[in-house]
Amino acid sequence: MLKQLFGSLFGNNANHPSSKPSAQYDTYTYNGYRITPMPQKRDGGYSTEAMIEKEVNGETKQHHFIRSDTAGSADQALELIESKVKLCLDQQADGVFR
């Protein structure tokens, strides 16, 4: 019991949704950016998350893309992630890494 209490207090909570392993999704490219969808099963659906990466001056820049939108299934989440990430990159380009 104490182990569980201290684990949750100090961030070692295996029941937290973000600490559970997620399915691996194929990385794709869009306008020079590598996008790896990372939808997570949450209460109420699947999250809209992805990792955006790009080589800039020999350095790999990363941005963990998260939106509040949820989808009813993993497939719907993948479609939502793709459209949201593309819109974000079209509007912000490399500014996403600031």
Protein backbone atom coordinates (compact mmCIF):
# COMPACT_ATOMS: atom_id res chain seq x y z
CA MET A 1 0.00 0.00 0.00
CA LEU A 2 2.77 2.45 0.87
CA LYS A 3 4.61 1.54 -2.32
CA GLN A 4 1.53 2.42 -4.36
CA LEU A 5 1.03 5.69 -2.43
CA PHE A 6 4.65 6.82 -2.79
CA GLY A 7 4.74 5.67 -6.41
CA SER A 8 1.77 7.85 -7.30
CA LEU A 9 3.18 10.81 -5.37
CA PHE A 10 6.57 10.64 -7.09
CA GLY A 11 5.43 9.96 -10.64
CA ASN A 12 5.84 6.18 -10.72
CA ASN A 13 2.16 5.49 -11.39
CA ALA A 14 1.78 2.57 -13.81
CA ASN A 15 -1.97 3.19 -14.01
CA HIS A 16 -1.58 6.65 -15.51
CA PRO A 17 -2.67 6.54 -19.21
CA SER A 18 0.51 8.16 -20.53
CA SER A 19 2.68 5.53 -18.80
CA LYS A 20 1.01 2.61 -20.55
CA PRO A 21 2.64 1.40 -23.75
CA SER A 22 0.83 2.48 -26.89
CA ALA A 23 0.56 0.84 -30.26
CA GLN A 24 3.21 1.80 -32.77
CA TYR A 25 2.00 3.73 -35.80
CA ASP A 26 3.83 4.31 -39.06
CA THR A 27 5.83 7.50 -39.39
CA TYR A 28 5.16 9.50 -42.54
CA THR A 29 6.57 12.69 -44.01
CA TYR A 30 4.82 15.92 -44.88
CA ASN A 31 6.70 18.89 -46.37
CA GLY A 32 9.99 17.67 -44.90
CA TYR A 33 8.60 16.89 -41.43
CA ARG A 34 8.51 13.38 -39.95
CA ILE A 35 5.21 12.76 -38.22
CA THR A 36 4.62 9.83 -35.88
CA PRO A 37 1.00 9.55 -34.73
CA MET A 38 0.65 8.66 -31.05
CA PRO A 39 -3.06 8.38 -30.20
CA GLN A 40 -3.60 7.25 -26.62
CA LYS A 41 -6.67 5.46 -25.31
CA ARG A 42 -8.25 7.74 -22.72
CA ASP A 43 -11.59 7.98 -21.01
CA GLY A 44 -13.97 9.13 -23.70
CA GLY A 45 -11.92 8.08 -26.73
CA TYR A 46 -8.50 8.43 -28.29
CA SER A 47 -6.29 11.48 -27.91
CA THR A 48 -4.93 13.62 -30.72
CA GLU A 49 -1.15 13.36 -30.27
CA ALA A 50 1.87 13.04 -32.54
CA MET A 51 5.61 13.60 -32.56
CA ILE A 52 6.76 16.06 -35.21
CA GLU A 53 10.46 15.98 -36.14
CA LYS A 54 12.69 17.77 -38.62
CA GLU A 55 16.42 18.13 -39.20
CA VAL A 56 17.35 21.81 -38.81
CA ASN A 57 21.02 22.80 -39.22
CA GLY A 58 22.14 19.24 -38.47
CA GLU A 59 20.04 19.01 -35.31
CA THR A 60 16.85 16.99 -34.91
CA LYS A 61 14.09 19.25 -33.65
CA GLN A 62 11.07 17.64 -31.98
CA HIS A 63 7.63 18.85 -30.98
CA HIS A 64 5.11 16.76 -29.04
CA PHE A 65 1.86 17.78 -30.75
CA ILE A 66 -1.20 17.50 -28.47
CA ARG A 67 -4.72 18.76 -29.03
CA SER A 68 -7.80 18.43 -26.84
CA ASP A 69 -9.81 16.77 -29.63
CA THR A 70 -10.73 13.12 -29.09
CA ALA A 71 -11.89 10.43 -31.48
CA GLY A 72 -14.05 7.36 -30.96
CA SER A 73 -11.55 4.91 -32.44
CA ALA A 74 -7.84 4.67 -33.16
CA ASP A 75 -8.52 4.86 -36.92
CA GLN A 76 -10.57 8.03 -36.50
CA ALA A 77 -7.84 9.46 -34.29
CA LEU A 78 -5.23 8.81 -37.00
CA GLU A 79 -7.32 10.75 -39.53
CA LEU A 80 -7.85 13.59 -37.07
CA ILE A 81 -4.16 13.70 -36.18
CA GLU A 82 -3.14 13.86 -39.83
CA SER A 83 -5.48 16.74 -40.63
CA LYS A 84 -4.61 18.71 -37.46
CA VAL A 85 -0.84 18.25 -37.85
CA LYS A 86 -0.91 19.27 -41.52
CA LEU A 87 -2.95 22.38 -40.71
CA CYS A 88 -0.56 23.28 -37.88
CA LEU A 89 2.51 22.84 -40.09
CA ASP A 90 0.92 24.78 -42.96
CA GLN A 91 0.28 27.67 -40.55
CA GLN A 92 3.42 27.58 -38.38
CA ALA A 93 6.09 25.66 -40.34
CA ASP A 94 9.32 25.59 -38.28
CA GLY A 95 7.69 27.90 -35.73
CA VAL A 96 6.23 24.77 -34.18
CA PHE A 97 9.65 24.14 -32.62
CA ARG A 98 9.82 27.44 -30.71
